[in-house]
Amino acid sequence: MMSLRDLIEGYANPGQVMWLGIRPERRVPMRVVSSVRISESGIEGDHRQKPGKRAVSLIQWEHVPVIAALVGRAELAPDLLRRNIAIAGINVLGLRNQTFRMGSVILRGTGVCAPCSRMEEALGKGGYAAVRGHGGITADIITPGDVGIGDRVIPCPDGDLR
């Protein structure tokens, strides 16, 4: 019988980076980019660039159309959600309290990324409620490096950082 730890670390497939965005300033539209450099203090060029448990924000790519449907839209631009990285193919919430590799970067999921009140402004009535439970996670930086669209997202069980 498998242990709970084995089950938690048993991802079917690696994920993939689908979208990247930088917030150059507070309340300014995000810049959609094809790659980012992540230093020890956060994503270079992002106004929230600072080390700590919320250095990087990630969202589940598959949840973007769910949020769109919940606010009555046919589609939704990921930049409206103000997250840095959108990932497909792996359960982003499952990466909380886990170490994982993306491109040459190693991150540790630190917590849930709750929506802010700006979601109501960005998405309209019900925007905040629509993002609840779909806002993704935050992460801190273990190893700086580069991340690009298409990079694989690979969990590093037991701290295996190879």
Protein backbone atom coordinates (compact mmCIF):
# COMPACT_ATOMS: atom_id res chain seq x y z
CA MET A 1 0.00 0.00 0.00
CA MET A 2 1.29 3.48 -0.88
CA SER A 3 1.99 5.97 1.87
CA LEU A 4 0.24 9.33 1.96
CA ARG A 5 3.56 10.97 1.10
CA ASP A 6 3.89 8.76 -2.00
CA LEU A 7 0.36 9.69 -3.05
CA ILE A 8 0.98 13.42 -2.54
CA GLU A 9 4.21 13.30 -4.56
CA GLY A 10 2.78 11.01 -7.27
CA TYR A 11 2.10 13.39 -10.16
CA ALA A 12 0.97 11.70 -13.39
CA ASN A 13 2.88 14.10 -15.64
CA PRO A 14 5.01 17.22 -15.45
CA GLY A 15 3.28 20.54 -15.97
CA GLN A 16 4.08 23.19 -18.53
CA VAL A 17 4.48 26.98 -18.38
CA MET A 18 1.75 28.44 -20.61
CA TRP A 19 1.87 32.17 -19.85
CA LEU A 20 4.18 34.70 -18.15
CA GLY A 21 3.48 38.24 -17.03
CA ILE A 22 5.28 41.07 -15.25
CA ARG A 23 3.58 43.84 -13.27
CA PRO A 24 5.84 46.84 -14.04
CA GLU A 25 4.03 49.12 -11.58
CA ARG A 26 1.08 49.02 -9.24
CA ARG A 27 -2.26 49.41 -11.06
CA VAL A 28 -0.56 49.36 -14.48
CA PRO A 29 -1.42 46.70 -17.09
CA MET A 30 0.81 43.64 -16.99
CA ARG A 31 3.45 43.03 -19.64
CA VAL A 32 3.02 39.62 -21.26
CA VAL A 33 6.47 38.12 -21.89
CA SER A 34 7.93 34.92 -23.32
CA SER A 35 10.53 34.50 -20.57
CA VAL A 36 11.48 35.91 -17.18
CA ARG A 37 14.61 36.02 -15.10
CA ILE A 38 14.01 35.19 -11.47
CA SER A 39 16.69 36.46 -9.10
CA GLU A 40 16.98 35.81 -5.39
CA SER A 41 14.76 38.85 -4.84
CA GLY A 42 11.97 37.88 -7.26
CA ILE A 43 10.96 38.32 -10.88
CA GLU A 44 13.14 40.97 -12.50
CA GLY A 45 11.07 43.92 -13.71
CA ASP A 46 8.08 43.10 -11.48
CA HIS A 47 7.11 45.90 -9.10
CA ARG A 48 6.68 43.38 -6.28
CA GLN A 49 10.23 42.12 -6.73
CA LYS A 50 11.25 41.19 -3.23
CA PRO A 51 12.35 37.97 -1.57
CA GLY A 52 10.03 35.98 0.65
CA LYS A 53 7.09 33.62 0.64
CA ARG A 54 5.19 35.62 -2.01
CA ALA A 55 8.07 36.30 -4.43
CA VAL A 56 6.29 34.56 -7.33
CA SER A 57 2.58 33.94 -8.00
CA LEU A 58 1.32 31.00 -10.07
CA ILE A 59 -2.14 30.11 -11.34
CA GLN A 60 -3.66 27.00 -12.87
CA TRP A 61 -4.04 27.60 -16.63
CA GLU A 62 -7.10 25.35 -16.70
CA HIS A 63 -8.81 27.62 -14.14
CA VAL A 64 -8.71 30.73 -16.35
CA PRO A 65 -11.73 29.63 -18.46
CA VAL A 66 -13.51 28.53 -15.26
CA ILE A 67 -13.11 32.03 -13.81
CA ALA A 68 -14.28 33.50 -17.13
CA ALA A 69 -17.43 31.36 -17.04
CA LEU A 70 -18.12 32.33 -13.43
CA VAL A 71 -18.19 36.03 -14.38
CA GLY A 72 -20.21 35.41 -17.55
CA ARG A 73 -17.43 35.87 -20.10
CA ALA A 74 -16.60 33.66 -23.06
CA GLU A 75 -12.89 34.12 -22.38
CA LEU A 76 -10.54 35.96 -20.05
CA ALA A 77 -7.05 37.38 -20.57
CA PRO A 78 -4.76 35.88 -17.87
CA ASP A 79 -3.14 39.27 -17.20
CA LEU A 80 -6.39 40.47 -15.60
CA LEU A 81 -5.76 37.98 -12.78
CA ARG A 82 -2.41 39.65 -11.91
CA ARG A 83 -0.46 36.40 -11.47
CA ASN A 84 3.08 35.97 -12.81
CA ILE A 85 2.97 32.44 -14.20
CA ALA A 86 0.18 30.23 -15.55
CA ILE A 87 0.83 26.49 -15.52
CA ALA A 88 -1.06 23.65 -17.23
CA GLY A 89 -1.05 19.90 -16.80
CA ILE A 90 -0.23 19.66 -13.10
CA ASN A 91 -2.28 20.55 -10.02
CA VAL A 92 -0.86 23.92 -8.96
CA LEU A 93 -2.48 23.71 -5.51
CA GLY A 94 -0.72 20.36 -5.09
CA LEU A 95 2.60 22.21 -5.34
CA ARG A 96 1.91 24.05 -2.09
CA ASN A 97 4.55 23.07 0.48
CA GLN A 98 6.44 21.28 -2.31
CA THR A 99 9.69 22.08 -4.10
CA PHE A 100 9.53 22.15 -7.90
CA ARG A 101 11.64 23.05 -10.92
CA MET A 102 10.60 25.31 -13.79
CA GLY A 103 13.20 26.03 -16.45
CA SER A 104 16.43 26.57 -14.49
CA VAL A 105 14.54 27.90 -11.43
CA ILE A 106 13.68 25.96 -8.29
CA LEU A 107 10.74 27.24 -6.25
CA ARG A 108 8.89 26.16 -3.12
CA GLY A 109 5.13 26.59 -3.00
CA THR A 110 4.31 28.58 0.14
CA GLY A 111 0.60 29.25 0.23
CA VAL A 112 -2.66 30.02 -1.47
CA CYS A 113 -2.77 33.22 -3.53
CA ALA A 114 -6.08 34.71 -2.45
CA PRO A 115 -7.80 37.24 -4.72
CA CYS A 116 -7.57 40.93 -3.94
CA SER A 117 -10.44 43.41 -4.07
CA ARG A 118 -9.18 44.56 -7.51
CA MET A 119 -10.70 41.41 -9.01
CA GLU A 120 -14.11 43.05 -8.68
CA GLU A 121 -12.79 46.05 -10.61
CA ALA A 122 -10.99 43.96 -13.25
CA LEU A 123 -13.66 41.29 -13.81
CA GLY A 124 -16.86 43.06 -12.82
CA LYS A 125 -19.50 42.10 -10.28
CA GLY A 126 -18.67 38.74 -8.74
CA GLY A 127 -15.03 38.86 -9.84
CA TYR A 128 -13.65 38.44 -6.33
CA ALA A 129 -15.95 35.48 -5.62
CA ALA A 130 -15.08 33.88 -8.98
CA VAL A 131 -11.35 33.86 -8.22
CA ARG A 132 -11.77 32.41 -4.70
CA GLY A 133 -10.41 28.88 -4.76
CA HIS A 134 -8.93 29.45 -8.23
CA GLY A 135 -6.28 32.08 -7.44
CA GLY A 136 -3.32 29.70 -7.47
CA ILE A 137 -0.34 29.76 -5.12
CA THR A 138 2.62 31.86 -4.09
CA ALA A 139 6.19 30.58 -3.98
CA ASP A 140 9.59 31.51 -2.68
CA ILE A 141 12.83 31.13 -4.61
CA ILE A 142 15.27 28.34 -3.81
CA THR A 143 17.47 28.66 -6.92
CA PRO A 144 17.32 31.69 -9.25
CA GLY A 145 17.37 31.33 -13.03
CA ASP A 146 15.25 31.68 -16.16
CA VAL A 147 11.74 30.48 -17.01
CA GLY A 148 10.18 30.50 -20.47
CA ILE A 149 6.91 29.60 -22.15
CA GLY A 150 6.84 25.85 -22.73
CA ASP A 151 9.22 24.99 -19.86
CA ARG A 152 8.28 21.90 -17.93
CA VAL A 153 7.18 22.09 -14.29
CA ILE A 154 8.67 19.16 -12.40
CA PRO A 155 8.10 18.42 -8.69
CA CYS A 156 11.26 17.64 -6.71
CA PRO A 157 10.13 15.10 -4.08
CA ASP A 158 12.25 14.79 -0.96
CA GLY A 159 14.22 17.85 -2.00
CA ASP A 160 15.74 16.02 -5.01
CA LEU A 161 16.79 19.17 -6.87
CA ARG A 162 18.41 17.46 -9.90
